[in-house]
Amino acid sequence: MAAKVWGRCFPWVWLCRSAWPGGRHYRAARCAELKRPLAIEEVAPRPVRPHEVRVDVHFCGVNFADILVCRGQYQERPHLPFTPGMEFSGTVLETGTDVSTVKEGDRVIGVSGFTGMAEECVIDQKALWQIPEGVPLREAASLPVSYGTAIMALEHRACTQPGETVLVTAAAGATGLAVIDVATHVLQAKVIAAAGSDEKCRLAVERGAQASVNYSQGSLRDAVTELVGSGGVNVAIDTVGGDIFLEALRSLAWEGRIVVVGFAGGNIASVSANLLLLKNISAMGVYWGRYRDQNFPVFSRSLSSALQYCQEGRIQPHIGVVFKLEEVNDAFLHVIQRKSTGKVLISLK
């Protein structure tokens, strides 16, 4: 149903261009009205403040949060009109007088809140990280949200240890594949990938999972029990919510840990406390973006680690499809219809 509504609201004919008077302009995807199509507009740049950096954006990630914020359903609600896009990669065009962390020409990734789907972005220097040599801009753009979340969930929250078994739901999505990548190739854990189709399960195994479960064909808990026995899994990373979350919770071993990452299925489950008590289970959440304000060193470390792992070849981001800026509404629909596997990007070049 969501896909049908979005398809009606976001047809190609709604893409338009409007010029603002004066100066050099750049193109940006703009949300002028909630639950309506994004428009491609010519936007006038503003001067950089002393602590800010102007970035020439090459790629911007598409996240479900971008779709939610354009519907007015996200916990953050920017003032209209705004430009969505939480993460991007590009090169530094200009720096403010107080900027010391980057210089003109540096390749960077940025975490922008909601400003990234534009040819230029002005951002605080604290929200930029230099891309190491050998890491392409396209792959770098796929790291912040998905890999930042995966690293935070696995390392900081669940404290995943080598040899432990990790269950990840929505395993073929951008975050799911990032969890598989980090758990398998960095933490030396074993991964059971859970997804909603055989095709997605096959992709998850190709990307490093030891086993897979298609939860559209039966009980997730029963399938996990067949794979690991009654002992259960040590860690579960859930992005789906609802009944899938509850089955993942019941699949945990003694002193298992489940990390709530999101609710892609649309339903938020309620947990009976006795489920936590009987096996001494820990249930926790990861709102990765909140760490930027609450614990910046931990937030920054997740991004620095992602860049380091990528430079070392320990992780390999999977990019499912790249859309042009003019196709931004198609990109949103692609995600809504659950066609996406891995990261969806917008190319600004």
C-alpha atoms as a PDB file:
ATOM      1  CA  MET A   1       0.000   0.000   0.000  1.00  0.00           C
ATOM      2  CA  ALA A   2       2.830   2.393   0.886  1.00  0.00           C
ATOM      3  CA  ALA A   3       4.392   1.827  -2.512  1.00  0.00           C
ATOM      4  CA  LYS A   4       1.112   2.589  -4.307  1.00  0.00           C
ATOM      5  CA  VAL A   5       0.640   5.818  -2.357  1.00  0.00           C
ATOM      6  CA  TRP A   6       4.224   6.902  -2.998  1.00  0.00           C
ATOM      7  CA  GLY A   7       3.904   6.031  -6.671  1.00  0.00           C
ATOM      8  CA  ARG A   8       0.819   8.233  -7.004  1.00  0.00           C
ATOM      9  CA  CYS A   9       2.398  11.091  -5.089  1.00  0.00           C
ATOM     10  CA  PHE A  10       5.833  10.993  -6.715  1.00  0.00           C
ATOM     11  CA  PRO A  11       5.418  10.704 -10.496  1.00  0.00           C
ATOM     12  CA  TRP A  12       8.115  11.902 -12.889  1.00  0.00           C
ATOM     13  CA  VAL A  13       6.091  14.972 -13.905  1.00  0.00           C
ATOM     14  CA  TRP A  14       6.591  16.492 -10.472  1.00  0.00           C
ATOM     15  CA  LEU A  15      10.318  16.915 -11.040  1.00  0.00           C
ATOM     16  CA  CYS A  16      10.862  20.568 -11.841  1.00  0.00           C
ATOM     17  CA  ARG A  17      13.569  23.198 -11.853  1.00  0.00           C
ATOM     18  CA  SER A  18      13.226  26.716 -10.517  1.00  0.00           C
ATOM     19  CA  ALA A  19      15.986  29.302 -10.520  1.00  0.00           C
ATOM     20  CA  TRP A  20      16.705  31.611  -7.634  1.00  0.00           C
ATOM     21  CA  PRO A  21      17.942  35.058  -8.652  1.00  0.00           C
ATOM     22  CA  GLY A  22      21.563  36.068  -8.304  1.00  0.00           C
ATOM     23  CA  GLY A  23      24.941  34.368  -8.087  1.00  0.00           C
ATOM     24  CA  ARG A  24      26.182  30.888  -8.895  1.00  0.00           C
ATOM     25  CA  HIS A  25      23.639  28.156  -8.278  1.00  0.00           C
ATOM     26  CA  TYR A  26      23.699  24.420  -7.675  1.00  0.00           C
ATOM     27  CA  ARG A  27      21.053  21.728  -8.018  1.00  0.00           C
ATOM     28  CA  ALA A  28      19.370  20.141  -5.015  1.00  0.00           C
ATOM     29  CA  ALA A  29      16.465  17.800  -4.303  1.00  0.00           C
ATOM     30  CA  ARG A  30      13.949  19.814  -2.293  1.00  0.00           C
ATOM     31  CA  CYS A  31      11.004  18.804  -0.133  1.00  0.00           C
ATOM     32  CA  ALA A  32       8.618  21.746  -0.161  1.00  0.00           C
ATOM     33  CA  GLU A  33       5.535  19.854   1.065  1.00  0.00           C
ATOM     34  CA  LEU A  34       5.334  16.662   3.099  1.00  0.00           C
ATOM     35  CA  LYS A  35       4.120  13.505   1.321  1.00  0.00           C
ATOM     36  CA  ARG A  36       4.606  15.162  -2.042  1.00  0.00           C
ATOM     37  CA  PRO A  37       7.247  14.636  -4.749  1.00  0.00           C
ATOM     38  CA  LEU A  38      10.706  16.068  -4.385  1.00  0.00           C
ATOM     39  CA  ALA A  39      11.659  18.731  -6.925  1.00  0.00           C
ATOM     40  CA  ILE A  40      15.071  19.439  -8.421  1.00  0.00           C
ATOM     41  CA  GLU A  41      15.710  23.134  -7.906  1.00  0.00           C
ATOM     42  CA  GLU A  42      18.509  25.598  -8.571  1.00  0.00           C
ATOM     43  CA  VAL A  43      19.637  26.801  -5.150  1.00  0.00           C
ATOM     44  CA  ALA A  44      21.686  29.882  -4.327  1.00  0.00           C
ATOM     45  CA  PRO A  45      24.763  29.088  -2.199  1.00  0.00           C
ATOM     46  CA  ARG A  46      25.360  30.823   1.099  1.00  0.00           C
ATOM     47  CA  PRO A  47      28.696  31.960   2.528  1.00  0.00           C
ATOM     48  CA  VAL A  48      30.591  29.575   4.786  1.00  0.00           C
ATOM     49  CA  ARG A  49      30.901  30.546   8.434  1.00  0.00           C
ATOM     50  CA  PRO A  50      34.311  30.397  10.160  1.00  0.00           C
ATOM     51  CA  HIS A  51      33.863  26.763  11.320  1.00  0.00           C
ATOM     52  CA  GLU A  52      32.172  25.495   8.148  1.00  0.00           C
ATOM     53  CA  VAL A  53      33.254  23.738   4.954  1.00  0.00           C
ATOM     54  CA  ARG A  54      31.749  23.798   1.463  1.00  0.00           C
ATOM     55  CA  VAL A  55      31.834  20.350  -0.156  1.00  0.00           C
ATOM     56  CA  ASP A  56      31.387  19.397  -3.799  1.00  0.00           C
ATOM     57  CA  VAL A  57      29.100  16.370  -3.330  1.00  0.00           C
ATOM     58  CA  HIS A  58      29.722  13.328  -5.546  1.00  0.00           C
ATOM     59  CA  PHE A  59      27.459  10.675  -3.975  1.00  0.00           C
ATOM     60  CA  CYS A  60      24.689  10.734  -1.383  1.00  0.00           C
ATOM     61  CA  GLY A  61      23.204   7.711   0.367  1.00  0.00           C
ATOM     62  CA  VAL A  62      19.468   7.010   0.355  1.00  0.00           C
ATOM     63  CA  ASN A  63      18.154   5.877   3.736  1.00  0.00           C
ATOM     64  CA  PHE A  64      14.672   4.957   4.902  1.00  0.00           C
ATOM     65  CA  ALA A  65      14.941   7.885   7.299  1.00  0.00           C
ATOM     66  CA  ASP A  66      15.072  10.229   4.278  1.00  0.00           C
ATOM     67  CA  ILE A  67      11.726   8.862   3.151  1.00  0.00           C
ATOM     68  CA  LEU A  68      10.222   9.129   6.619  1.00  0.00           C
ATOM     69  CA  VAL A  69      11.362  12.733   7.088  1.00  0.00           C
ATOM     70  CA  CYS A  70       9.776  13.669   3.750  1.00  0.00           C
ATOM     71  CA  ARG A  71       6.523  12.157   5.043  1.00  0.00           C
ATOM     72  CA  GLY A  72       6.746  13.951   8.396  1.00  0.00           C
ATOM     73  CA  GLN A  73       7.103  10.597  10.175  1.00  0.00           C
ATOM     74  CA  TYR A  74      10.685  10.868  11.444  1.00  0.00           C
ATOM     75  CA  GLN A  75      11.725  11.935  14.956  1.00  0.00           C
ATOM     76  CA  GLU A  76      13.511  14.943  13.443  1.00  0.00           C
ATOM     77  CA  ARG A  77      11.367  17.404  11.489  1.00  0.00           C
ATOM     78  CA  PRO A  78      13.298  20.007   9.483  1.00  0.00           C
ATOM     79  CA  HIS A  79      11.580  23.234   8.534  1.00  0.00           C
ATOM     80  CA  LEU A  80      10.127  23.264   5.025  1.00  0.00           C
ATOM     81  CA  PRO A  81      11.528  23.469   2.442  1.00  0.00           C
ATOM     82  CA  PHE A  82      14.553  21.251   3.064  1.00  0.00           C
ATOM     83  CA  THR A  83      16.957  18.972   1.243  1.00  0.00           C
ATOM     84  CA  PRO A  84      17.026  15.329   2.422  1.00  0.00           C
ATOM     85  CA  GLY A  85      20.195  13.256   2.534  1.00  0.00           C
ATOM     86  CA  MET A  86      21.955  12.175   5.719  1.00  0.00           C
ATOM     87  CA  GLU A  87      25.330  11.059   4.338  1.00  0.00           C
ATOM     88  CA  PHE A  88      27.531  11.938   1.401  1.00  0.00           C
ATOM     89  CA  SER A  89      31.008  11.832  -0.090  1.00  0.00           C
ATOM     90  CA  GLY A  90      32.794  14.549  -2.026  1.00  0.00           C
ATOM     91  CA  THR A  91      35.709  16.960  -2.181  1.00  0.00           C
ATOM     92  CA  VAL A  92      36.322  20.146  -0.214  1.00  0.00           C
ATOM     93  CA  LEU A  93      35.696  23.321  -2.224  1.00  0.00           C
ATOM     94  CA  GLU A  94      36.131  25.992   0.450  1.00  0.00           C
ATOM     95  CA  THR A  95      36.901  26.230   4.160  1.00  0.00           C
ATOM     96  CA  GLY A  96      36.007  28.817   6.776  1.00  0.00           C
ATOM     97  CA  THR A  97      38.658  30.869   8.542  1.00  0.00           C
ATOM     98  CA  ASP A  98      38.656  28.664  11.672  1.00  0.00           C
ATOM     99  CA  VAL A  99      38.713  25.291   9.904  1.00  0.00           C
ATOM    100  CA  SER A 100      41.802  23.203  10.685  1.00  0.00           C
ATOM    101  CA  THR A 101      40.672  19.599  10.093  1.00  0.00           C
ATOM    102  CA  VAL A 102      40.405  19.615   6.282  1.00  0.00           C
ATOM    103  CA  LYS A 103      41.670  21.704   3.357  1.00  0.00           C
ATOM    104  CA  GLU A 104      40.598  22.456  -0.183  1.00  0.00           C
ATOM    105  CA  GLY A 105      40.775  19.367  -2.371  1.00  0.00           C
ATOM    106  CA  ASP A 106      40.500  16.829   0.452  1.00  0.00           C
ATOM    107  CA  ARG A 107      38.179  13.878  -0.148  1.00  0.00           C
ATOM    108  CA  VAL A 108      35.667  13.569   2.679  1.00  0.00           C
ATOM    109  CA  ILE A 109      32.556  11.834   3.916  1.00  0.00           C
ATOM    110  CA  GLY A 110      29.980  13.842   5.804  1.00  0.00           C
ATOM    111  CA  VAL A 111      27.014  13.275   8.102  1.00  0.00           C
ATOM    112  CA  SER A 112      24.753  16.178   7.316  1.00  0.00           C
ATOM    113  CA  GLY A 113      21.454  15.687   9.098  1.00  0.00           C
ATOM    114  CA  PHE A 114      19.246  16.411   6.074  1.00  0.00           C
ATOM    115  CA  THR A 115      21.137  18.424   3.445  1.00  0.00           C
ATOM    116  CA  GLY A 116      23.133  15.911   1.400  1.00  0.00           C
ATOM    117  CA  MET A 117      21.095  15.437  -1.803  1.00  0.00           C
ATOM    118  CA  ALA A 118      22.599  18.463  -3.495  1.00  0.00           C
ATOM    119  CA  GLU A 119      25.585  19.271  -5.668  1.00  0.00           C
ATOM    120  CA  GLU A 120      27.017  21.336  -2.813  1.00  0.00           C
ATOM    121  CA  CYS A 121      26.745  21.100   0.938  1.00  0.00           C
ATOM    122  CA  VAL A 122      27.897  23.536   3.618  1.00  0.00           C
ATOM    123  CA  ILE A 123      28.623  21.690   6.833  1.00  0.00           C
ATOM    124  CA  ASP A 124      30.426  22.043  10.167  1.00  0.00           C
ATOM    125  CA  GLN A 125      33.984  20.721  10.053  1.00  0.00           C
ATOM    126  CA  LYS A 126      33.165  18.343  12.935  1.00  0.00           C
ATOM    127  CA  ALA A 127      30.764  16.461  10.649  1.00  0.00           C
ATOM    128  CA  LEU A 128      33.471  15.567   8.092  1.00  0.00           C
ATOM    129  CA  TRP A 129      35.983  12.712   7.999  1.00  0.00           C
ATOM    130  CA  GLN A 130      38.833  12.444   5.500  1.00  0.00           C
ATOM    131  CA  ILE A 131      38.658   9.481   3.128  1.00  0.00           C
ATOM    132  CA  PRO A 132      41.877   7.429   3.183  1.00  0.00           C
ATOM    133  CA  GLU A 133      43.847   6.833   0.022  1.00  0.00           C
ATOM    134  CA  GLY A 134      42.559   3.884  -1.960  1.00  0.00           C
ATOM    135  CA  VAL A 135      38.913   4.184  -0.844  1.00  0.00           C
ATOM    136  CA  PRO A 136      36.729   5.345  -3.796  1.00  0.00           C
ATOM    137  CA  LEU A 137      34.210   8.130  -3.270  1.00  0.00           C
ATOM    138  CA  ARG A 138      31.352   5.823  -4.278  1.00  0.00           C
ATOM    139  CA  GLU A 139      32.170   3.190  -1.651  1.00  0.00           C
ATOM    140  CA  ALA A 140      32.915   5.876   0.948  1.00  0.00           C
ATOM    141  CA  ALA A 141      29.412   7.308   0.585  1.00  0.00           C
ATOM    142  CA  SER A 142      27.935   3.955   1.616  1.00  0.00           C
ATOM    143  CA  LEU A 143      29.812   3.821   4.936  1.00  0.00           C
ATOM    144  CA  PRO A 144      28.425   6.400   7.398  1.00  0.00           C
ATOM    145  CA  VAL A 145      24.877   5.303   8.265  1.00  0.00           C
ATOM    146  CA  SER A 146      24.990   1.574   7.467  1.00  0.00           C
ATOM    147  CA  TYR A 147      28.483   0.754   8.682  1.00  0.00           C
ATOM    148  CA  GLY A 148      28.405   3.324  11.467  1.00  0.00           C
ATOM    149  CA  THR A 149      25.235   1.651  12.760  1.00  0.00           C
ATOM    150  CA  ALA A 150      26.641  -1.864  12.304  1.00  0.00           C
ATOM    151  CA  ILE A 151      29.847  -1.045  14.167  1.00  0.00           C
ATOM    152  CA  MET A 152      27.959   0.716  16.940  1.00  0.00           C
ATOM    153  CA  ALA A 153      25.514  -2.172  17.337  1.00  0.00           C
ATOM    154  CA  LEU A 154      28.055  -4.992  17.196  1.00  0.00           C
ATOM    155  CA  GLU A 155      31.067  -3.478  18.926  1.00  0.00           C
ATOM    156  CA  HIS A 156      29.844  -0.734  21.249  1.00  0.00           C
ATOM    157  CA  ARG A 157      26.451  -2.070  22.329  1.00  0.00           C
ATOM    158  CA  ALA A 158      26.484  -5.883  21.967  1.00  0.00           C
ATOM    159  CA  CYS A 159      30.247  -6.256  22.603  1.00  0.00           C
ATOM    160  CA  THR A 160      30.341  -9.103  20.091  1.00  0.00           C
ATOM    161  CA  GLN A 161      33.202 -11.551  20.630  1.00  0.00           C
ATOM    162  CA  PRO A 162      35.086 -13.763  18.150  1.00  0.00           C
ATOM    163  CA  GLY A 163      33.314 -17.089  17.625  1.00  0.00           C
ATOM    164  CA  GLU A 164      29.910 -15.866  18.800  1.00  0.00           C
ATOM    165  CA  THR A 165      26.853 -16.356  16.611  1.00  0.00           C
ATOM    166  CA  VAL A 166      25.043 -13.267  15.332  1.00  0.00           C
ATOM    167  CA  LEU A 167      21.509 -13.300  13.911  1.00  0.00           C
ATOM    168  CA  VAL A 168      20.683 -10.335  11.663  1.00  0.00           C
ATOM    169  CA  THR A 169      17.242  -9.584  10.217  1.00  0.00           C
ATOM    170  CA  ALA A 170      16.569  -7.745   6.934  1.00  0.00           C
ATOM    171  CA  ALA A 171      19.970  -9.165   6.111  1.00  0.00           C
ATOM    172  CA  ALA A 172      20.087  -8.060   2.465  1.00  0.00           C
ATOM    173  CA  GLY A 173      19.460  -4.405   3.255  1.00  0.00           C
ATOM    174  CA  ALA A 174      22.243  -1.857   3.569  1.00  0.00           C
ATOM    175  CA  THR A 175      22.520  -2.167   7.347  1.00  0.00           C
ATOM    176  CA  GLY A 176      22.014  -5.937   7.298  1.00  0.00           C
ATOM    177  CA  LEU A 177      24.839  -6.497   4.821  1.00  0.00           C
ATOM    178  CA  ALA A 178      27.039  -4.111   6.796  1.00  0.00           C
ATOM    179  CA  VAL A 179      26.374  -6.158   9.948  1.00  0.00           C
ATOM    180  CA  ILE A 180      27.312  -9.345   8.085  1.00  0.00           C
ATOM    181  CA  ASP A 181      30.469  -7.718   6.741  1.00  0.00           C
ATOM    182  CA  VAL A 182      31.686  -6.358  10.090  1.00  0.00           C
ATOM    183  CA  ALA A 183      30.664  -9.384  12.159  1.00  0.00           C
ATOM    184  CA  THR A 184      32.263 -11.880   9.782  1.00  0.00           C
ATOM    185  CA  HIS A 185      35.341 -10.125   8.457  1.00  0.00           C
ATOM    186  CA  VAL A 186      36.285  -7.864  11.379  1.00  0.00           C
ATOM    187  CA  LEU A 187      34.978  -9.543  14.536  1.00  0.00           C
ATOM    188  CA  GLN A 188      35.329 -13.158  13.360  1.00  0.00           C
ATOM    189  CA  ALA A 189      31.792 -13.990  14.466  1.00  0.00           C
ATOM    190  CA  LYS A 190      29.444 -16.459  12.762  1.00  0.00           C
ATOM    191  CA  VAL A 191      26.372 -14.954  11.114  1.00  0.00           C
ATOM    192  CA  ILE A 192      22.896 -16.302  10.459  1.00  0.00           C
ATOM    193  CA  ALA A 193      21.209 -14.041   7.909  1.00  0.00           C
ATOM    194  CA  ALA A 194      17.415 -13.709   8.005  1.00  0.00           C
ATOM    195  CA  ALA A 195      15.602 -12.163   5.037  1.00  0.00           C
ATOM    196  CA  GLY A 196      12.257 -12.267   3.259  1.00  0.00           C
ATOM    197  CA  SER A 197      13.171 -14.044   0.029  1.00  0.00           C
ATOM    198  CA  ASP A 198      15.453 -16.795  -1.217  1.00  0.00           C
ATOM    199  CA  GLU A 199      17.235 -14.324  -3.488  1.00  0.00           C
ATOM    200  CA  LYS A 200      18.069 -12.044  -0.571  1.00  0.00           C
ATOM    201  CA  CYS A 201      19.188 -15.008   1.516  1.00  0.00           C
ATOM    202  CA  ARG A 202      21.557 -16.084  -1.256  1.00  0.00           C
ATOM    203  CA  LEU A 203      23.056 -12.590  -1.433  1.00  0.00           C
ATOM    204  CA  ALA A 204      23.612 -12.558   2.337  1.00  0.00           C
ATOM    205  CA  VAL A 205      25.474 -15.864   2.174  1.00  0.00           C
ATOM    206  CA  GLU A 206      27.541 -14.615  -0.774  1.00  0.00           C
ATOM    207  CA  ARG A 207      28.512 -11.623   1.367  1.00  0.00           C
ATOM    208  CA  GLY A 208      29.752 -13.728   4.279  1.00  0.00           C
ATOM    209  CA  ALA A 209      26.882 -15.203   6.300  1.00  0.00           C
ATOM    210  CA  GLN A 210      27.401 -18.848   7.306  1.00  0.00           C
ATOM    211  CA  ALA A 211      23.692 -19.690   7.000  1.00  0.00           C
ATOM    212  CA  SER A 212      20.417 -18.045   6.037  1.00  0.00           C
ATOM    213  CA  VAL A 213      16.734 -18.198   6.923  1.00  0.00           C
ATOM    214  CA  ASN A 214      13.823 -17.072   4.734  1.00  0.00           C
ATOM    215  CA  TYR A 215      11.347 -15.882   7.357  1.00  0.00           C
ATOM    216  CA  SER A 216       8.561 -15.498   4.802  1.00  0.00           C
ATOM    217  CA  GLN A 217       8.342 -19.310   4.687  1.00  0.00           C
ATOM    218  CA  GLY A 218       7.905 -20.136   8.359  1.00  0.00           C
ATOM    219  CA  SER A 219       8.991 -19.499  11.909  1.00  0.00           C
ATOM    220  CA  LEU A 220      12.293 -17.669  12.288  1.00  0.00           C
ATOM    221  CA  ARG A 221      12.801 -19.129  15.740  1.00  0.00           C
ATOM    222  CA  ASP A 222      12.246 -22.725  14.563  1.00  0.00           C
ATOM    223  CA  ALA A 223      14.653 -22.251  11.659  1.00  0.00           C
ATOM    224  CA  VAL A 224      17.333 -20.803  13.939  1.00  0.00           C
ATOM    225  CA  THR A 225      16.881 -23.709  16.357  1.00  0.00           C
ATOM    226  CA  GLU A 226      17.447 -26.148  13.502  1.00  0.00           C
ATOM    227  CA  LEU A 227      20.708 -24.381  12.686  1.00  0.00           C
ATOM    228  CA  VAL A 228      22.217 -23.870  16.151  1.00  0.00           C
ATOM    229  CA  GLY A 229      20.209 -26.103  18.459  1.00  0.00           C
ATOM    230  CA  SER A 230      18.245 -25.091  21.538  1.00  0.00           C
ATOM    231  CA  GLY A 231      21.153 -23.057  22.880  1.00  0.00           C
ATOM    232  CA  GLY A 232      20.362 -20.149  20.586  1.00  0.00           C
ATOM    233  CA  VAL A 233      22.404 -17.257  19.209  1.00  0.00           C
ATOM    234  CA  ASN A 234      24.553 -14.886  21.225  1.00  0.00           C
ATOM    235  CA  VAL A 235      23.608 -11.643  19.478  1.00  0.00           C
ATOM    236  CA  ALA A 236      20.637 -10.512  17.386  1.00  0.00           C
ATOM    237  CA  ILE A 237      20.596  -7.292  15.368  1.00  0.00           C
ATOM    238  CA  ASP A 238      17.041  -6.424  14.345  1.00  0.00           C
ATOM    239  CA  THR A 239      15.921  -3.747  11.911  1.00  0.00           C
ATOM    240  CA  VAL A 240      12.424  -5.132  11.227  1.00  0.00           C
ATOM    241  CA  GLY A 241      10.469  -4.976  14.480  1.00  0.00           C
ATOM    242  CA  GLY A 242       7.101  -6.580  15.173  1.00  0.00           C
ATOM    243  CA  ASP A 243       6.844 -10.374  15.195  1.00  0.00           C
ATOM    244  CA  ILE A 244      10.293 -10.779  13.628  1.00  0.00           C
ATOM    245  CA  PHE A 245      11.836  -8.950  16.573  1.00  0.00           C
ATOM    246  CA  LEU A 246       9.996 -11.207  19.038  1.00  0.00           C
ATOM    247  CA  GLU A 247      11.137 -14.347  17.240  1.00  0.00           C
ATOM    248  CA  ALA A 248      14.712 -13.063  17.199  1.00  0.00           C
ATOM    249  CA  LEU A 249      14.428 -12.329  20.915  1.00  0.00           C
ATOM    250  CA  ARG A 250      13.253 -15.879  21.600  1.00  0.00           C
ATOM    251  CA  SER A 251      16.165 -17.196  19.535  1.00  0.00           C
ATOM    252  CA  LEU A 252      18.754 -15.813  21.955  1.00  0.00           C
ATOM    253  CA  ALA A 253      21.039 -17.962  24.078  1.00  0.00           C
ATOM    254  CA  TRP A 254      21.738 -17.582  27.789  1.00  0.00           C
ATOM    255  CA  GLU A 255      22.982 -14.014  28.379  1.00  0.00           C
ATOM    256  CA  GLY A 256      22.204 -13.180  24.752  1.00  0.00           C
ATOM    257  CA  ARG A 257      21.945  -9.585  23.563  1.00  0.00           C
ATOM    258  CA  ILE A 258      19.438  -8.156  21.115  1.00  0.00           C
ATOM    259  CA  VAL A 259      19.966  -4.728  19.566  1.00  0.00           C
ATOM    260  CA  VAL A 260      17.016  -2.773  18.165  1.00  0.00           C
ATOM    261  CA  VAL A 261      18.121  -0.790  15.111  1.00  0.00           C
ATOM    262  CA  GLY A 262      14.802   0.083  13.462  1.00  0.00           C
ATOM    263  CA  PHE A 263      11.265  -0.888  12.523  1.00  0.00           C
ATOM    264  CA  ALA A 264      11.295  -1.417   8.763  1.00  0.00           C
ATOM    265  CA  GLY A 265       8.299  -3.732   9.085  1.00  0.00           C
ATOM    266  CA  GLY A 266       6.245  -0.861  10.470  1.00  0.00           C
ATOM    267  CA  ASN A 267       5.303  -2.444  13.807  1.00  0.00           C
ATOM    268  CA  ILE A 268       6.924  -1.846  17.188  1.00  0.00           C
ATOM    269  CA  ALA A 269       6.826  -4.896  19.434  1.00  0.00           C
ATOM    270  CA  SER A 270       6.193  -4.965  23.173  1.00  0.00           C
ATOM    271  CA  VAL A 271       8.512  -7.174  25.225  1.00  0.00           C
ATOM    272  CA  SER A 272       7.351  -9.329  28.124  1.00  0.00           C
ATOM    273  CA  ALA A 273       9.915  -8.797  30.854  1.00  0.00           C
ATOM    274  CA  ASN A 274       9.919 -12.476  31.790  1.00  0.00           C
ATOM    275  CA  LEU A 275      11.595 -13.224  28.437  1.00  0.00           C
ATOM    276  CA  LEU A 276      14.531 -11.118  29.570  1.00  0.00           C
ATOM    277  CA  LEU A 277      14.633 -12.646  33.039  1.00  0.00           C
ATOM    278  CA  LEU A 278      14.539 -16.350  32.187  1.00  0.00           C
ATOM    279  CA  LYS A 279      17.739 -16.379  30.144  1.00  0.00           C
ATOM    280  CA  ASN A 280      19.343 -13.191  31.541  1.00  0.00           C
ATOM    281  CA  ILE A 281      18.872 -11.499  28.167  1.00  0.00           C
ATOM    282  CA  SER A 282      19.845  -7.895  27.467  1.00  0.00           C
ATOM    283  CA  ALA A 283      17.677  -5.827  25.112  1.00  0.00           C
ATOM    284  CA  MET A 284      19.125  -2.537  23.941  1.00  0.00           C
ATOM    285  CA  GLY A 285      18.777   0.017  21.177  1.00  0.00           C
ATOM    286  CA  VAL A 286      21.018   1.853  18.753  1.00  0.00           C
ATOM    287  CA  TYR A 287      20.002   5.286  17.521  1.00  0.00           C
ATOM    288  CA  TRP A 288      23.294   5.926  15.784  1.00  0.00           C
ATOM    289  CA  GLY A 289      22.685   9.571  14.887  1.00  0.00           C
ATOM    290  CA  ARG A 290      21.904  10.492  18.501  1.00  0.00           C
ATOM    291  CA  TYR A 291      25.470   9.664  19.488  1.00  0.00           C
ATOM    292  CA  ARG A 292      26.596  12.687  17.486  1.00  0.00           C
ATOM    293  CA  ASP A 293      25.075  14.913  20.188  1.00  0.00           C
ATOM    294  CA  GLN A 294      25.278  12.644  23.235  1.00  0.00           C
ATOM    295  CA  ASN A 295      28.701  10.983  22.844  1.00  0.00           C
ATOM    296  CA  PHE A 296      30.603  12.412  19.900  1.00  0.00           C
ATOM    297  CA  PRO A 297      33.857  10.484  20.513  1.00  0.00           C
ATOM    298  CA  VAL A 298      31.992   7.166  20.185  1.00  0.00           C
ATOM    299  CA  PHE A 299      30.122   8.454  17.133  1.00  0.00           C
ATOM    300  CA  SER A 300      33.326   9.626  15.471  1.00  0.00           C
ATOM    301  CA  ARG A 301      35.112   6.382  16.289  1.00  0.00           C
ATOM    302  CA  SER A 302      32.450   4.356  14.472  1.00  0.00           C
ATOM    303  CA  LEU A 303      33.098   6.346  11.284  1.00  0.00           C
ATOM    304  CA  SER A 304      36.873   6.300  11.649  1.00  0.00           C
ATOM    305  CA  SER A 305      36.722   2.530  12.146  1.00  0.00           C
ATOM    306  CA  ALA A 306      34.548   2.081   9.042  1.00  0.00           C
ATOM    307  CA  LEU A 307      37.019   4.071   6.938  1.00  0.00           C
ATOM    308  CA  GLN A 308      39.968   2.159   8.382  1.00  0.00           C
ATOM    309  CA  TYR A 309      38.342  -1.241   7.823  1.00  0.00           C
ATOM    310  CA  CYS A 310      37.545  -0.258   4.248  1.00  0.00           C
ATOM    311  CA  GLN A 311      41.076   0.971   3.546  1.00  0.00           C
ATOM    312  CA  GLU A 312      42.500  -2.269   4.952  1.00  0.00           C
ATOM    313  CA  GLY A 313      40.185  -4.317   2.745  1.00  0.00           C
ATOM    314  CA  ARG A 314      38.520  -5.964   5.732  1.00  0.00           C
ATOM    315  CA  ILE A 315      35.074  -4.765   4.634  1.00  0.00           C
ATOM    316  CA  GLN A 316      33.643  -4.341   1.145  1.00  0.00           C
ATOM    317  CA  PRO A 317      30.427  -2.271   0.941  1.00  0.00           C
ATOM    318  CA  HIS A 318      27.781  -3.668  -1.385  1.00  0.00           C
ATOM    319  CA  ILE A 319      26.162  -0.998  -3.565  1.00  0.00           C
ATOM    320  CA  GLY A 320      22.913  -2.226  -5.032  1.00  0.00           C
ATOM    321  CA  VAL A 321      22.017   0.601  -7.422  1.00  0.00           C
ATOM    322  CA  VAL A 322      23.000   4.193  -8.196  1.00  0.00           C
ATOM    323  CA  PHE A 323      20.392   6.737  -9.337  1.00  0.00           C
ATOM    324  CA  LYS A 324      20.924  10.189 -10.836  1.00  0.00           C
ATOM    325  CA  LEU A 325      19.733  13.233  -8.896  1.00  0.00           C
ATOM    326  CA  GLU A 326      16.830  13.632 -11.336  1.00  0.00           C
ATOM    327  CA  GLU A 327      15.730  10.100 -10.408  1.00  0.00           C
ATOM    328  CA  VAL A 328      15.515  10.751  -6.682  1.00  0.00           C
ATOM    329  CA  ASN A 329      11.802   9.915  -6.520  1.00  0.00           C
ATOM    330  CA  ASP A 330      12.472   6.633  -8.306  1.00  0.00           C
ATOM    331  CA  ALA A 331      15.196   5.929  -5.761  1.00  0.00           C
ATOM    332  CA  PHE A 332      12.747   6.470  -2.894  1.00  0.00           C
ATOM    333  CA  LEU A 333      10.175   4.211  -4.555  1.00  0.00           C
ATOM    334  CA  HIS A 334      12.844   1.542  -5.089  1.00  0.00           C
ATOM    335  CA  VAL A 335      13.455   1.479  -1.323  1.00  0.00           C
ATOM    336  CA  ILE A 336       9.755   1.577  -0.398  1.00  0.00           C
ATOM    337  CA  GLN A 337       8.974  -1.358  -2.663  1.00  0.00           C
ATOM    338  CA  ARG A 338      11.705  -3.401  -0.935  1.00  0.00           C
ATOM    339  CA  LYS A 339      13.561  -3.865  -4.201  1.00  0.00           C
ATOM    340  CA  SER A 340      16.826  -2.604  -2.767  1.00  0.00           C
ATOM    341  CA  THR A 341      19.700  -4.812  -1.687  1.00  0.00           C
ATOM    342  CA  GLY A 342      22.729  -3.188  -0.146  1.00  0.00           C
ATOM    343  CA  LYS A 343      23.211   0.549  -0.411  1.00  0.00           C
ATOM    344  CA  VAL A 344      21.204   2.817  -2.700  1.00  0.00           C
ATOM    345  CA  LEU A 345      23.086   5.940  -3.791  1.00  0.00           C
ATOM    346  CA  ILE A 346      22.336   9.178  -5.600  1.00  0.00           C
ATOM    347  CA  SER A 347      25.063  10.348  -7.988  1.00  0.00           C
ATOM    348  CA  LEU A 348      25.506  14.097  -8.222  1.00  0.00           C
ATOM    349  CA  LYS A 349      28.001  13.908 -11.118  1.00  0.00           C
END
